[in-house]
């Protein structure tokens, strides 16, 4: 099967020639070039990566070549633009060309309700009164049924897994908040929400960061 991106490599290389600063950022950051890159050009691109030729200050007119691999590979031609834009944002931030976008508001993503439901079910199953308890009610019958089938060690292990995972995720969220300058109050909301709901919080935060990056790039054109 023909590579859908390679088939339009000529057009993409010609288009990218009007963005020399972006190509220099790709070359220096993704190509891991330590020397000062003075110019760069894209000579080929496909779903697996792109080939860049560049000149360095110390190398004069001598052109060198580097291959930048896409991780993961592009699924199709429609992924070229968003992937290259995200790669530019990452490269520019890492090289100090631009600052990381600022996130100044907190929002609770809808899919956090899925995690909340699972946690509520775990709390219900763990702490529901037993039939011998004076506070037992028919409302707790499902919990009793679950505990009769699921080993106690599994329920306890679920708690350990959740606490450890959410704690590590909260540390990661803290690093994102620090990088994107959320401020103390908003940052605390993100961290606490991650402790409670886990992955949906930091995943949504990352989506907002990516959207802000793309918006910044588009405005700069």
N, C-alpha and C. Protein backbone atom coordinates (compact mmCIF):
# COMPACT_ATOMS: atom_id res chain seq x y z
N UNK A 1 0.84 -1.21 0.00
CA UNK A 1 0.00 0.00 0.00
C UNK A 1 0.88 1.25 0.00
N UNK A 2 0.57 2.21 -0.87
CA UNK A 2 1.37 3.42 -1.00
C UNK A 2 1.27 4.27 0.25
N UNK A 3 2.37 4.93 0.57
CA UNK A 3 2.40 5.82 1.72
C UNK A 3 1.66 7.11 1.36
N UNK A 4 0.55 7.43 2.07
CA UNK A 4 -0.26 8.61 1.71
C UNK A 4 0.46 9.93 1.92
N UNK A 5 1.41 9.96 2.83
CA UNK A 5 2.15 11.20 3.09
C UNK A 5 3.30 11.35 2.09
N UNK A 6 3.98 10.25 1.82
CA UNK A 6 5.09 10.29 0.87
C UNK A 6 4.61 10.72 -0.51
N UNK A 7 3.36 10.35 -0.84
CA UNK A 7 2.80 10.71 -2.15
C UNK A 7 2.69 12.22 -2.33
N UNK A 8 2.62 12.95 -1.22
CA UNK A 8 2.50 14.41 -1.30
C UNK A 8 3.72 15.09 -0.68
N UNK A 9 4.83 14.35 -0.64
CA UNK A 9 6.05 14.86 -0.04
C UNK A 9 6.54 16.14 -0.70
N UNK A 10 6.49 16.18 -2.05
CA UNK A 10 6.96 17.36 -2.77
C UNK A 10 6.21 18.62 -2.39
N UNK A 11 4.89 18.50 -2.32
CA UNK A 11 4.08 19.66 -1.94
C UNK A 11 4.36 20.10 -0.51
N UNK A 12 4.48 19.12 0.40
CA UNK A 12 4.72 19.46 1.81
C UNK A 12 6.09 20.11 1.99
N UNK A 13 7.10 19.61 1.28
CA UNK A 13 8.43 20.19 1.38
C UNK A 13 8.42 21.63 0.86
N UNK A 14 7.71 21.86 -0.22
CA UNK A 14 7.62 23.20 -0.78
C UNK A 14 6.89 24.14 0.19
N UNK A 15 5.81 23.64 0.79
CA UNK A 15 5.06 24.44 1.74
C UNK A 15 5.92 24.80 2.96
N UNK A 16 6.65 23.83 3.48
CA UNK A 16 7.46 24.06 4.68
C UNK A 16 8.66 24.96 4.40
N UNK A 17 9.03 25.12 3.13
CA UNK A 17 10.16 26.00 2.80
C UNK A 17 9.86 27.45 3.18
N UNK A 18 8.58 27.78 3.32
CA UNK A 18 8.20 29.15 3.72
C UNK A 18 8.18 29.30 5.24
N UNK A 19 8.58 28.26 5.96
CA UNK A 19 8.65 28.30 7.43
C UNK A 19 10.05 27.86 7.89
N UNK A 20 11.09 28.59 7.50
CA UNK A 20 12.46 28.19 7.82
C UNK A 20 12.76 28.12 9.31
N UNK A 21 12.14 29.01 10.10
CA UNK A 21 12.38 28.99 11.54
C UNK A 21 11.87 27.70 12.17
N UNK A 22 10.73 27.22 11.66
CA UNK A 22 10.17 25.97 12.16
C UNK A 22 11.09 24.80 11.83
N UNK A 23 11.63 24.78 10.63
CA UNK A 23 12.52 23.70 10.20
C UNK A 23 13.81 23.70 11.02
N UNK A 24 14.29 24.89 11.38
CA UNK A 24 15.48 24.98 12.22
C UNK A 24 15.18 24.39 13.61
N UNK A 25 14.00 24.69 14.13
CA UNK A 25 13.61 24.16 15.44
C UNK A 25 13.51 22.63 15.39
N UNK A 26 12.88 22.10 14.33
CA UNK A 26 12.80 20.64 14.16
C UNK A 26 14.19 20.03 14.16
N UNK A 27 15.06 20.63 13.36
CA UNK A 27 16.42 20.08 13.18
C UNK A 27 17.19 20.07 14.49
N UNK A 28 17.18 21.20 15.17
CA UNK A 28 17.98 21.33 16.39
C UNK A 28 17.43 20.47 17.53
N UNK A 29 16.11 20.48 17.73
CA UNK A 29 15.53 19.77 18.86
C UNK A 29 15.38 18.27 18.60
N UNK A 30 14.67 17.92 17.53
CA UNK A 30 14.42 16.50 17.27
C UNK A 30 15.63 15.79 16.66
N UNK A 31 16.47 16.57 15.94
CA UNK A 31 17.68 15.97 15.39
C UNK A 31 18.81 15.94 16.39
N UNK A 32 18.59 16.58 17.57
CA UNK A 32 19.58 16.62 18.64
C UNK A 32 20.92 17.19 18.15
N UNK A 33 20.84 18.30 17.42
CA UNK A 33 22.03 18.95 16.91
C UNK A 33 22.54 19.97 17.93
N UNK A 34 23.76 19.78 18.39
CA UNK A 34 24.31 20.66 19.41
C UNK A 34 24.89 21.94 18.82
N UNK A 35 25.30 21.90 17.56
CA UNK A 35 25.88 23.07 16.92
C UNK A 35 24.79 24.10 16.61
N UNK A 36 25.21 25.31 16.27
CA UNK A 36 24.26 26.36 15.91
C UNK A 36 23.78 26.14 14.47
N UNK A 37 22.50 25.86 14.33
CA UNK A 37 21.92 25.63 13.00
C UNK A 37 21.50 26.96 12.41
N UNK A 38 22.00 27.26 11.20
CA UNK A 38 21.70 28.55 10.59
C UNK A 38 20.60 28.46 9.53
N UNK A 39 20.39 27.26 8.98
CA UNK A 39 19.32 27.09 8.00
C UNK A 39 18.97 25.61 7.90
N UNK A 40 17.74 25.34 7.47
CA UNK A 40 17.30 23.95 7.33
C UNK A 40 16.22 23.86 6.26
N UNK A 41 16.13 22.72 5.63
CA UNK A 41 15.10 22.49 4.63
C UNK A 41 14.60 21.05 4.75
N UNK A 42 13.33 20.85 4.47
CA UNK A 42 12.75 19.51 4.45
C UNK A 42 12.91 18.95 3.04
N UNK A 43 13.50 17.76 2.94
CA UNK A 43 13.71 17.17 1.62
C UNK A 43 12.79 15.98 1.37
N UNK A 44 12.20 15.42 2.41
CA UNK A 44 11.28 14.29 2.25
C UNK A 44 10.48 14.11 3.52
N UNK A 45 9.27 13.58 3.35
CA UNK A 45 8.42 13.28 4.51
C UNK A 45 7.50 12.13 4.16
N UNK A 46 7.28 11.24 5.12
CA UNK A 46 6.35 10.13 4.95
C UNK A 46 5.69 9.86 6.30
N UNK A 47 4.95 8.79 6.39
CA UNK A 47 4.22 8.52 7.65
C UNK A 47 5.15 8.18 8.80
N UNK A 48 6.40 7.78 8.50
CA UNK A 48 7.32 7.36 9.55
C UNK A 48 8.24 8.47 10.04
N UNK A 49 8.39 9.51 9.23
CA UNK A 49 9.28 10.59 9.65
C UNK A 49 9.56 11.57 8.54
N UNK A 50 10.50 12.49 8.81
CA UNK A 50 10.88 13.48 7.79
C UNK A 50 12.40 13.60 7.74
N UNK A 51 12.89 13.91 6.54
CA UNK A 51 14.31 14.08 6.33
C UNK A 51 14.61 15.57 6.18
N UNK A 52 15.59 16.03 6.94
CA UNK A 52 15.95 17.45 6.94
C UNK A 52 17.43 17.62 6.58
N UNK A 53 17.70 18.60 5.75
CA UNK A 53 19.07 18.99 5.45
C UNK A 53 19.32 20.35 6.08
N UNK A 54 20.51 20.52 6.65
CA UNK A 54 20.76 21.76 7.38
C UNK A 54 22.21 22.21 7.25
N UNK A 55 22.42 23.47 7.58
CA UNK A 55 23.76 24.04 7.63
C UNK A 55 24.01 24.55 9.05
N UNK A 56 25.25 24.44 9.47
CA UNK A 56 25.63 24.95 10.79
C UNK A 56 26.59 26.12 10.61
N UNK A 57 26.72 26.91 11.66
CA UNK A 57 27.59 28.09 11.60
C UNK A 57 29.04 27.68 11.37
N UNK A 58 29.44 26.59 12.00
CA UNK A 58 30.84 26.17 11.88
C UNK A 58 31.10 25.40 10.59
N UNK A 59 30.02 24.88 9.98
CA UNK A 59 30.20 24.05 8.78
C UNK A 59 30.16 24.81 7.48
N UNK A 60 29.91 26.11 7.53
CA UNK A 60 29.86 26.90 6.31
C UNK A 60 28.74 26.48 5.39
N UNK A 61 29.07 26.25 4.11
CA UNK A 61 28.07 25.89 3.11
C UNK A 61 27.81 24.39 3.04
N UNK A 62 28.49 23.62 3.86
CA UNK A 62 28.31 22.17 3.86
C UNK A 62 26.95 21.80 4.44
N UNK A 63 26.21 21.00 3.71
CA UNK A 63 24.90 20.56 4.19
C UNK A 63 25.00 19.18 4.81
N UNK A 64 24.33 19.03 5.93
CA UNK A 64 24.26 17.74 6.61
C UNK A 64 22.81 17.27 6.60
N UNK A 65 22.60 16.01 6.89
CA UNK A 65 21.24 15.45 6.84
C UNK A 65 20.90 14.74 8.13
N UNK A 66 19.65 14.87 8.55
CA UNK A 66 19.18 14.18 9.74
C UNK A 66 17.77 13.66 9.48
N UNK A 67 17.47 12.51 10.05
CA UNK A 67 16.15 11.91 9.91
C UNK A 67 15.43 12.02 11.23
N UNK A 68 14.25 12.65 11.21
CA UNK A 68 13.42 12.80 12.41
C UNK A 68 12.27 11.80 12.32
N UNK A 69 12.18 10.91 13.28
CA UNK A 69 11.17 9.85 13.28
C UNK A 69 9.91 10.31 13.99
N UNK A 70 8.75 9.99 13.42
CA UNK A 70 7.48 10.31 14.05
C UNK A 70 7.11 9.20 15.04
N UNK A 71 6.84 9.59 16.27
CA UNK A 71 6.43 8.64 17.30
C UNK A 71 5.10 9.07 17.90
N UNK A 72 3.99 8.35 17.63
CA UNK A 72 3.90 7.20 16.73
C UNK A 72 3.84 7.65 15.27
N UNK A 73 3.96 6.72 14.32
CA UNK A 73 3.86 7.09 12.91
C UNK A 73 2.52 7.73 12.59
N UNK A 74 2.49 8.55 11.56
CA UNK A 74 1.24 9.20 11.15
C UNK A 74 0.27 8.16 10.59
N UNK A 75 -1.00 8.30 10.97
CA UNK A 75 -2.01 7.36 10.49
C UNK A 75 -2.44 7.68 9.06
N UNK A 76 -2.24 8.93 8.65
CA UNK A 76 -2.64 9.33 7.31
C UNK A 76 -2.25 10.78 7.04
N UNK A 77 -2.56 11.25 5.87
CA UNK A 77 -2.20 12.61 5.45
C UNK A 77 -2.85 13.67 6.33
N UNK A 78 -4.07 13.39 6.81
CA UNK A 78 -4.79 14.39 7.61
C UNK A 78 -4.11 14.65 8.95
N UNK A 79 -3.18 13.79 9.36
CA UNK A 79 -2.49 13.99 10.63
C UNK A 79 -1.24 14.86 10.50
N UNK A 80 -0.83 15.16 9.28
CA UNK A 80 0.42 15.89 9.07
C UNK A 80 0.40 17.25 9.76
N UNK A 81 -0.61 18.06 9.46
CA UNK A 81 -0.65 19.42 10.00
C UNK A 81 -0.69 19.48 11.52
N UNK A 82 -1.64 18.77 12.19
CA UNK A 82 -1.65 18.85 13.66
C UNK A 82 -0.39 18.30 14.30
N UNK A 83 0.19 17.23 13.70
CA UNK A 83 1.41 16.68 14.30
C UNK A 83 2.58 17.65 14.17
N UNK A 84 2.76 18.24 13.00
CA UNK A 84 3.85 19.19 12.81
C UNK A 84 3.69 20.43 13.68
N UNK A 85 2.45 20.86 13.87
CA UNK A 85 2.20 22.02 14.73
C UNK A 85 2.54 21.71 16.18
N UNK A 86 2.15 20.54 16.65
CA UNK A 86 2.46 20.15 18.02
C UNK A 86 3.97 19.98 18.21
N UNK A 87 4.62 19.42 17.20
CA UNK A 87 6.07 19.24 17.27
C UNK A 87 6.78 20.59 17.32
N UNK A 88 6.27 21.55 16.57
CA UNK A 88 6.85 22.90 16.59
C UNK A 88 6.72 23.51 17.98
N UNK A 89 5.53 23.37 18.57
CA UNK A 89 5.30 23.94 19.90
C UNK A 89 6.23 23.32 20.93
N UNK A 90 6.37 21.99 20.88
CA UNK A 90 7.26 21.30 21.82
C UNK A 90 8.71 21.74 21.63
N UNK A 91 9.13 21.83 20.37
CA UNK A 91 10.52 22.21 20.08
C UNK A 91 10.80 23.64 20.52
N UNK A 92 9.90 24.56 20.19
CA UNK A 92 10.11 25.97 20.55
C UNK A 92 10.15 26.18 22.05
N UNK A 93 9.30 25.45 22.78
CA UNK A 93 9.31 25.56 24.24
C UNK A 93 10.61 25.02 24.81
N UNK A 94 11.03 23.85 24.30
CA UNK A 94 12.25 23.23 24.81
C UNK A 94 13.49 24.07 24.51
N UNK A 95 13.48 24.74 23.35
CA UNK A 95 14.63 25.56 22.94
C UNK A 95 14.58 26.97 23.52
N UNK A 96 13.48 27.30 24.21
CA UNK A 96 13.35 28.61 24.81
C UNK A 96 12.92 29.69 23.85
N UNK A 97 12.42 29.29 22.67
CA UNK A 97 11.96 30.26 21.68
C UNK A 97 10.64 30.88 22.13
N UNK A 98 9.78 30.05 22.70
CA UNK A 98 8.50 30.54 23.23
C UNK A 98 8.29 29.98 24.63
N UNK A 99 7.41 30.62 25.38
CA UNK A 99 7.07 30.11 26.71
C UNK A 99 5.92 29.13 26.60
N UNK A 100 5.87 28.22 27.57
CA UNK A 100 4.76 27.27 27.61
C UNK A 100 3.46 28.05 27.82
N UNK A 101 2.36 27.67 27.16
CA UNK A 101 1.10 28.40 27.32
C UNK A 101 0.61 28.37 28.76
N UNK A 102 -0.01 29.45 29.18
CA UNK A 102 -0.51 29.55 30.55
C UNK A 102 -1.95 29.07 30.63
N UNK A 103 -2.23 28.28 31.68
CA UNK A 103 -3.59 27.82 31.97
C UNK A 103 -4.01 28.51 33.27
N UNK A 104 -5.02 29.34 33.20
CA UNK A 104 -5.38 30.16 34.36
C UNK A 104 -6.74 29.82 34.97
N UNK A 105 -7.43 28.82 34.42
CA UNK A 105 -8.73 28.43 34.96
C UNK A 105 -8.81 26.92 35.13
N UNK A 106 -9.63 26.51 36.06
CA UNK A 106 -9.84 25.08 36.30
C UNK A 106 -11.19 24.65 35.72
N UNK A 107 -11.22 23.45 35.18
CA UNK A 107 -12.50 22.87 34.78
C UNK A 107 -12.48 21.38 35.08
N UNK A 108 -13.63 20.85 35.40
CA UNK A 108 -13.76 19.44 35.70
C UNK A 108 -14.32 18.74 34.47
N UNK A 109 -13.54 17.87 33.84
CA UNK A 109 -14.01 17.19 32.63
C UNK A 109 -15.15 16.23 32.92
N UNK A 110 -16.01 16.04 31.95
CA UNK A 110 -17.17 15.18 32.15
C UNK A 110 -16.80 13.74 32.47
N UNK A 111 -15.71 13.25 31.84
CA UNK A 111 -15.37 11.84 32.07
C UNK A 111 -14.83 11.58 33.47
N UNK A 112 -14.64 12.65 34.27
CA UNK A 112 -14.27 12.44 35.68
C UNK A 112 -15.42 11.76 36.42
N UNK A 113 -16.64 11.90 35.90
CA UNK A 113 -17.80 11.27 36.51
C UNK A 113 -17.70 9.74 36.46
N UNK A 114 -17.01 9.24 35.44
CA UNK A 114 -16.81 7.78 35.33
C UNK A 114 -15.96 7.30 36.50
N UNK A 115 -14.84 8.01 36.73
CA UNK A 115 -13.98 7.66 37.86
C UNK A 115 -14.73 7.82 39.18
N UNK A 116 -15.51 8.91 39.29
CA UNK A 116 -16.27 9.15 40.52
C UNK A 116 -17.25 8.02 40.79
N UNK A 117 -17.87 7.51 39.74
CA UNK A 117 -18.82 6.40 39.88
C UNK A 117 -18.12 5.14 40.36
N UNK A 118 -16.95 4.87 39.79
CA UNK A 118 -16.19 3.67 40.18
C UNK A 118 -15.71 3.78 41.63
N UNK A 119 -15.28 4.97 42.04
CA UNK A 119 -14.83 5.17 43.42
C UNK A 119 -16.01 5.03 44.38
N UNK A 120 -17.16 5.59 44.00
CA UNK A 120 -18.36 5.47 44.83
C UNK A 120 -18.75 4.00 45.01
N UNK A 121 -18.62 3.23 43.92
CA UNK A 121 -18.94 1.80 43.99
C UNK A 121 -17.97 1.07 44.92
N UNK A 122 -16.69 1.46 44.88
CA UNK A 122 -15.70 0.84 45.75
C UNK A 122 -15.97 1.18 47.21
N UNK A 123 -16.31 2.44 47.47
CA UNK A 123 -16.63 2.86 48.85
C UNK A 123 -17.87 2.11 49.35
N UNK A 124 -18.88 2.02 48.50
CA UNK A 124 -20.12 1.31 48.86
C UNK A 124 -19.84 -0.15 49.19
N UNK A 125 -19.06 -0.81 48.34
CA UNK A 125 -18.76 -2.23 48.54
C UNK A 125 -17.92 -2.45 49.79
N UNK A 126 -16.97 -1.53 50.04
CA UNK A 126 -16.05 -1.71 51.17
C UNK A 126 -16.73 -1.45 52.51
N UNK A 127 -17.53 -0.39 52.59
CA UNK A 127 -18.02 0.06 53.89
C UNK A 127 -19.50 -0.23 54.17
N UNK A 128 -20.18 -0.87 53.25
CA UNK A 128 -21.58 -1.21 53.51
C UNK A 128 -21.68 -2.15 54.71
N UNK A 129 -22.64 -1.94 55.61
CA UNK A 129 -22.80 -2.80 56.79
C UNK A 129 -23.09 -4.25 56.40
N UNK A 130 -22.66 -5.17 57.23
CA UNK A 130 -22.92 -6.59 57.01
C UNK A 130 -24.33 -6.92 57.50
N UNK A 131 -24.88 -8.06 57.07
CA UNK A 131 -26.24 -8.44 57.49
C UNK A 131 -26.41 -8.53 59.00
N UNK A 132 -25.32 -8.80 59.72
CA UNK A 132 -25.42 -8.93 61.18
C UNK A 132 -25.43 -7.58 61.90
N UNK A 133 -25.18 -6.51 61.14
CA UNK A 133 -25.13 -5.17 61.74
C UNK A 133 -26.54 -4.63 61.96
N UNK A 134 -26.70 -3.85 63.02
CA UNK A 134 -28.01 -3.26 63.34
C UNK A 134 -28.40 -2.19 62.31
N UNK A 135 -27.42 -1.65 61.62
CA UNK A 135 -27.70 -0.60 60.62
C UNK A 135 -27.87 -1.17 59.21
N UNK A 136 -27.92 -2.51 59.12
CA UNK A 136 -28.05 -3.14 57.80
C UNK A 136 -29.42 -2.86 57.20
N UNK A 137 -29.44 -2.69 55.89
CA UNK A 137 -30.67 -2.45 55.15
C UNK A 137 -30.60 -3.23 53.85
N UNK A 138 -31.76 -3.45 53.26
CA UNK A 138 -31.81 -4.15 51.98
C UNK A 138 -31.03 -3.39 50.91
N UNK A 139 -30.82 -2.11 51.11
CA UNK A 139 -30.04 -1.30 50.17
C UNK A 139 -28.58 -1.75 50.08
N UNK A 140 -28.13 -2.46 51.12
CA UNK A 140 -26.74 -2.91 51.14
C UNK A 140 -26.59 -4.35 50.67
N UNK A 141 -27.68 -4.97 50.22
CA UNK A 141 -27.64 -6.35 49.75
C UNK A 141 -26.68 -6.55 48.58
N UNK A 142 -26.66 -5.64 47.56
CA UNK A 142 -25.70 -5.82 46.46
C UNK A 142 -24.25 -5.84 46.94
N UNK A 143 -23.92 -5.00 47.93
CA UNK A 143 -22.55 -4.98 48.45
C UNK A 143 -22.21 -6.30 49.12
N UNK A 144 -23.17 -6.83 49.85
CA UNK A 144 -22.97 -8.13 50.50
C UNK A 144 -22.74 -9.21 49.45
N UNK A 145 -23.51 -9.17 48.38
CA UNK A 145 -23.38 -10.16 47.31
C UNK A 145 -22.01 -10.06 46.65
N UNK A 146 -21.55 -8.82 46.42
CA UNK A 146 -20.25 -8.62 45.78
C UNK A 146 -19.13 -9.14 46.68
N UNK A 147 -19.21 -8.83 47.98
CA UNK A 147 -18.17 -9.27 48.91
C UNK A 147 -18.13 -10.79 49.06
N UNK A 148 -19.26 -11.45 48.80
CA UNK A 148 -19.28 -12.91 48.91
C UNK A 148 -18.60 -13.57 47.71
N UNK A 149 -18.44 -12.80 46.63
CA UNK A 149 -17.84 -13.35 45.41
C UNK A 149 -16.41 -12.84 45.21
N UNK A 150 -16.20 -11.56 45.49
CA UNK A 150 -14.88 -10.94 45.28
C UNK A 150 -14.03 -11.08 46.54
N UNK A 151 -12.81 -11.59 46.43
CA UNK A 151 -11.93 -11.74 47.61
C UNK A 151 -11.65 -10.40 48.26
N UNK A 152 -11.55 -10.42 49.59
CA UNK A 152 -11.25 -9.19 50.32
C UNK A 152 -9.91 -8.60 49.88
N UNK A 153 -8.96 -9.47 49.55
CA UNK A 153 -7.64 -8.99 49.13
C UNK A 153 -7.73 -8.17 47.84
N UNK A 154 -8.70 -8.53 46.97
CA UNK A 154 -8.87 -7.78 45.72
C UNK A 154 -9.41 -6.39 46.01
N UNK A 155 -10.38 -6.31 46.92
CA UNK A 155 -10.95 -5.00 47.28
C UNK A 155 -9.90 -4.13 47.94
N UNK A 156 -9.12 -4.73 48.85
CA UNK A 156 -8.06 -3.98 49.52
C UNK A 156 -7.00 -3.54 48.51
N UNK A 157 -6.67 -4.44 47.58
CA UNK A 157 -5.69 -4.11 46.56
C UNK A 157 -6.16 -2.98 45.66
N UNK A 158 -7.47 -2.92 45.42
CA UNK A 158 -8.03 -1.83 44.61
C UNK A 158 -7.81 -0.49 45.28
N UNK A 159 -7.95 -0.47 46.61
CA UNK A 159 -7.70 0.77 47.34
C UNK A 159 -6.24 1.19 47.25
N UNK A 160 -5.34 0.23 47.46
CA UNK A 160 -3.91 0.54 47.38
C UNK A 160 -3.55 1.05 45.99
N UNK A 161 -4.07 0.37 44.97
CA UNK A 161 -3.78 0.76 43.59
C UNK A 161 -4.27 2.19 43.31
N UNK A 162 -5.48 2.48 43.76
CA UNK A 162 -6.05 3.80 43.50
C UNK A 162 -5.25 4.89 44.22
N UNK A 163 -4.93 4.66 45.48
CA UNK A 163 -4.21 5.66 46.26
C UNK A 163 -2.83 5.93 45.67
N UNK A 164 -2.10 4.87 45.34
CA UNK A 164 -0.75 5.03 44.79
C UNK A 164 -0.80 5.70 43.42
N UNK A 165 -1.69 5.20 42.55
CA UNK A 165 -1.79 5.74 41.19
C UNK A 165 -2.20 7.20 41.20
N UNK A 166 -3.23 7.52 41.96
CA UNK A 166 -3.71 8.90 42.00
C UNK A 166 -2.67 9.84 42.62
N UNK A 167 -1.90 9.34 43.57
CA UNK A 167 -0.85 10.16 44.19
C UNK A 167 0.24 10.49 43.16
N UNK A 168 0.65 9.48 42.39
CA UNK A 168 1.67 9.71 41.36
C UNK A 168 1.12 10.64 40.27
N UNK A 169 -0.14 10.46 39.93
CA UNK A 169 -0.76 11.32 38.92
C UNK A 169 -0.87 12.76 39.42
N UNK A 170 -1.11 12.91 40.71
CA UNK A 170 -1.20 14.25 41.29
C UNK A 170 0.16 14.96 41.22
N UNK A 171 1.25 14.20 41.41
CA UNK A 171 2.59 14.78 41.28
C UNK A 171 2.84 15.23 39.85
N UNK A 172 2.40 14.43 38.89
CA UNK A 172 2.54 14.80 37.49
C UNK A 172 1.71 16.04 37.18
N UNK A 173 0.50 16.09 37.71
CA UNK A 173 -0.36 17.26 37.51
C UNK A 173 0.29 18.51 38.10
N UNK A 174 0.91 18.35 39.27
CA UNK A 174 1.61 19.47 39.90
C UNK A 174 2.70 20.01 38.98
N UNK A 175 3.43 19.10 38.33
CA UNK A 175 4.50 19.53 37.41
C UNK A 175 3.92 20.28 36.22
N UNK A 176 2.76 19.83 35.72
CA UNK A 176 2.10 20.53 34.61
C UNK A 176 1.64 21.92 35.04
N UNK A 177 1.08 21.99 36.24
CA UNK A 177 0.60 23.29 36.75
C UNK A 177 1.76 24.27 36.92
N UNK A 178 2.89 23.77 37.39
CA UNK A 178 4.06 24.62 37.57
C UNK A 178 4.58 25.11 36.22
N UNK A 179 4.63 24.19 35.24
CA UNK A 179 5.14 24.54 33.91
C UNK A 179 4.24 25.55 33.21
N UNK A 180 2.92 25.41 33.42
CA UNK A 180 1.97 26.26 32.70
C UNK A 180 1.39 27.37 33.58
N UNK A 181 2.06 27.64 34.69
CA UNK A 181 1.82 28.84 35.50
C UNK A 181 0.34 29.03 35.85
N UNK A 182 -0.26 28.01 36.46
CA UNK A 182 -1.68 28.09 36.80
C UNK A 182 -1.97 29.00 37.98
N UNK A 183 -0.96 29.23 38.82
CA UNK A 183 -1.20 29.96 40.07
C UNK A 183 -1.57 28.98 41.16
N UNK A 184 -1.47 29.43 42.42
CA UNK A 184 -1.66 28.52 43.56
C UNK A 184 -3.08 27.95 43.63
N UNK A 185 -4.08 28.80 43.56
CA UNK A 185 -5.46 28.35 43.75
C UNK A 185 -5.89 27.38 42.65
N UNK A 186 -5.68 27.78 41.40
CA UNK A 186 -6.07 26.91 40.28
C UNK A 186 -5.24 25.63 40.30
N UNK A 187 -3.95 25.76 40.60
CA UNK A 187 -3.09 24.58 40.66
C UNK A 187 -3.55 23.61 41.74
N UNK A 188 -3.93 24.16 42.91
CA UNK A 188 -4.42 23.31 43.99
C UNK A 188 -5.69 22.57 43.58
N UNK A 189 -6.55 23.24 42.82
CA UNK A 189 -7.78 22.60 42.34
C UNK A 189 -7.44 21.41 41.43
N UNK A 190 -6.49 21.61 40.54
CA UNK A 190 -6.08 20.54 39.64
C UNK A 190 -5.48 19.36 40.41
N UNK A 191 -4.60 19.66 41.36
CA UNK A 191 -3.93 18.59 42.11
C UNK A 191 -4.92 17.82 42.97
N UNK A 192 -5.79 18.52 43.69
CA UNK A 192 -6.79 17.85 44.53
C UNK A 192 -7.75 17.03 43.67
N UNK A 193 -8.16 17.59 42.54
CA UNK A 193 -9.06 16.86 41.65
C UNK A 193 -8.40 15.61 41.13
N UNK A 194 -7.09 15.67 40.85
CA UNK A 194 -6.37 14.48 40.38
C UNK A 194 -6.28 13.44 41.48
N UNK A 195 -6.06 13.86 42.71
CA UNK A 195 -6.05 12.92 43.84
C UNK A 195 -7.39 12.18 43.94
N UNK A 196 -8.47 12.90 43.63
CA UNK A 196 -9.80 12.30 43.74
C UNK A 196 -10.19 11.48 42.51
N UNK A 197 -9.94 12.05 41.32
CA UNK A 197 -10.48 11.46 40.10
C UNK A 197 -9.43 10.87 39.16
N UNK A 198 -8.16 11.12 39.42
CA UNK A 198 -7.12 10.49 38.63
C UNK A 198 -6.91 11.04 37.23
N UNK A 199 -6.66 10.13 36.29
CA UNK A 199 -6.22 10.45 34.93
C UNK A 199 -7.09 11.45 34.16
N UNK A 200 -8.43 11.41 34.28
CA UNK A 200 -9.22 12.36 33.48
C UNK A 200 -8.82 13.82 33.67
N UNK A 201 -8.31 14.16 34.85
CA UNK A 201 -7.95 15.56 35.14
C UNK A 201 -6.71 15.98 34.37
N UNK A 202 -5.61 15.22 34.51
CA UNK A 202 -4.39 15.65 33.83
C UNK A 202 -4.47 15.44 32.32
N UNK A 203 -5.26 14.46 31.87
CA UNK A 203 -5.43 14.27 30.43
C UNK A 203 -6.17 15.46 29.81
N UNK A 204 -7.19 15.96 30.51
CA UNK A 204 -7.91 17.13 30.01
C UNK A 204 -7.03 18.38 30.07
N UNK A 205 -6.21 18.48 31.10
CA UNK A 205 -5.28 19.61 31.21
C UNK A 205 -4.31 19.61 30.03
N UNK A 206 -3.81 18.44 29.67
CA UNK A 206 -2.89 18.34 28.54
C UNK A 206 -3.58 18.71 27.23
N UNK A 207 -4.85 18.31 27.09
CA UNK A 207 -5.59 18.69 25.88
C UNK A 207 -5.75 20.20 25.79
N UNK A 208 -5.99 20.84 26.91
CA UNK A 208 -6.12 22.30 26.92
C UNK A 208 -4.80 22.97 26.56
N UNK A 209 -3.70 22.40 27.04
CA UNK A 209 -2.38 22.94 26.72
C UNK A 209 -2.11 22.83 25.22
N UNK A 210 -2.43 21.65 24.65
CA UNK A 210 -2.21 21.46 23.22
C UNK A 210 -3.06 22.42 22.40
N UNK A 211 -4.30 22.61 22.82
CA UNK A 211 -5.19 23.54 22.11
C UNK A 211 -4.65 24.97 22.19
N UNK A 212 -4.11 25.33 23.36
CA UNK A 212 -3.55 26.68 23.53
C UNK A 212 -2.30 26.86 22.66
N UNK A 213 -1.51 25.80 22.55
CA UNK A 213 -0.31 25.87 21.71
C UNK A 213 -0.69 26.11 20.25
N UNK A 214 -1.63 25.32 19.77
CA UNK A 214 -2.05 25.44 18.37
C UNK A 214 -2.66 26.81 18.11
N UNK A 215 -3.46 27.29 19.05
CA UNK A 215 -4.07 28.61 18.90
C UNK A 215 -2.99 29.69 18.83
N UNK A 216 -1.94 29.55 19.64
CA UNK A 216 -0.85 30.51 19.65
C UNK A 216 -0.10 30.50 18.33
N UNK A 217 0.11 29.29 17.79
CA UNK A 217 0.81 29.18 16.51
C UNK A 217 0.00 29.81 15.40
N UNK A 218 -1.32 29.53 15.39
CA UNK A 218 -2.18 30.06 14.33
C UNK A 218 -2.24 31.60 14.39
N UNK A 219 -2.25 32.15 15.60
CA UNK A 219 -2.30 33.61 15.74
C UNK A 219 -0.99 34.25 15.31
N UNK A 220 0.09 33.47 15.42
CA UNK A 220 1.40 34.02 15.07
C UNK A 220 1.68 34.02 13.58
N UNK A 221 0.77 33.40 12.81
CA UNK A 221 1.00 33.32 11.37
C UNK A 221 0.55 34.59 10.66
